[in-house]
Amino acid sequence: MPAETNESTIRLCVRPEAQESGFYASVKRLWRRISEPIIELCIRLSGLIVVIFVFLIFLFLLRDSLSLFRDYPLAQFLFGRKWLPISDPPQFGVIPLLLGSLFVTFWAVLICVPLGVGSAMFIAEVAPKALKNVLKSFVEILAAIPSVVLGFLGIIWLGPVLRDTFHLSTGMCGLTGSLLLAFMALPTIISISEDALTGVPRSYREAAYGLGATRWQTLWRVVLPSASSGIVAAVMLGIGRVVGETMVVLMVTGNAPVIPTSILQPVRTLTATIAGEMGETVGGSEHYYALFAVGLVLFIITFAVNFVADLFLRRARK
């Protein structure tokens, strides 16, 4: 057999199966070249559609809110101290609702942030590998509990316990809502904080150990500051979850639209007001448009919280 063979002879010697596989390989390469720009375009369109949806929601809330402010003063809505939609004349002061949300959110954050960050530190740095996997699965299960189930537990168990403990007239108060909201925010804070702590380079720990630092000193003075951006983002996302929660606060906070002076008294939040009164209003009435104005205030607050959280998440990635 000659040492050199022309191209036509090689082509004749190739089996049909090999030629077919080569054809399919060419088709796959062609499809890969075509599909990548299409997929990239779809991803860009998806992101653009989400932004458009958010903007349209804002315009929808703004349109109906402006319908209220044509007849009802904006300053009286923003700084009014009474929410009496069925009085004569009706009063739509958002201050009691806003302070109720702030009271419940503040105490929920005060409870869940130390507990959540401490749990994340234990899972990421202290717990053995087997226990770590169990705890992470348990945290994911907690995130799947429906809010209405937690509200039911608050009514039949937590509320009576707080009533007997603090000698209250009712256990349906701001503290009950804060405890349940803190429980709901824990999975978000723990998961994101644990990811931030795990993402700290191992060289940081080795350098600290090399300088003679103990395990606790390394965790407290090296790992925790390095993961601070991710932890702050976790806290902000947890706050967003607390602010936007509806069912729990509707069921267990007492729904009293008064300016709160203590966390142990019944309060009403922005979300509970919308959920509790929207079904009882007449479409096109002042009360109807006032609830949309409350929704606009809530939208601005949650948007600001999530925007700050996104800034910290970008900083953590860098």
Foldseek 3Di string as FASTA:
>chain_A
DDPDDDPVVVVVPDDPVVVVVVVVVVVVVVCVVVVVVVVVVVVVVVVVVVVVVLVVLLVVLVVLLVLLCVPDPPCQQDAPFDQAVPDVVGGRHCQQQALLLVLLLVLLLVPQLVVLLVLLLCLQQPDDPVVSVVVLVVLVVLLPDDLLVLLVCLQPPVQVVVCVVVVHPTSQASVSSSNSLSSNLNSLLNVQSNVLLNPDDPVQVVVCVVVPDDSVCSVPPPSCVLSVLSNVLSSLVSSLSSSPDENNNLRRQQQDSGRDPDRRHRGHHLNNCLVVCCVPDDPPDSVNSSNSVSVSVSSVVSVVSNVSSVVSVVVSVD
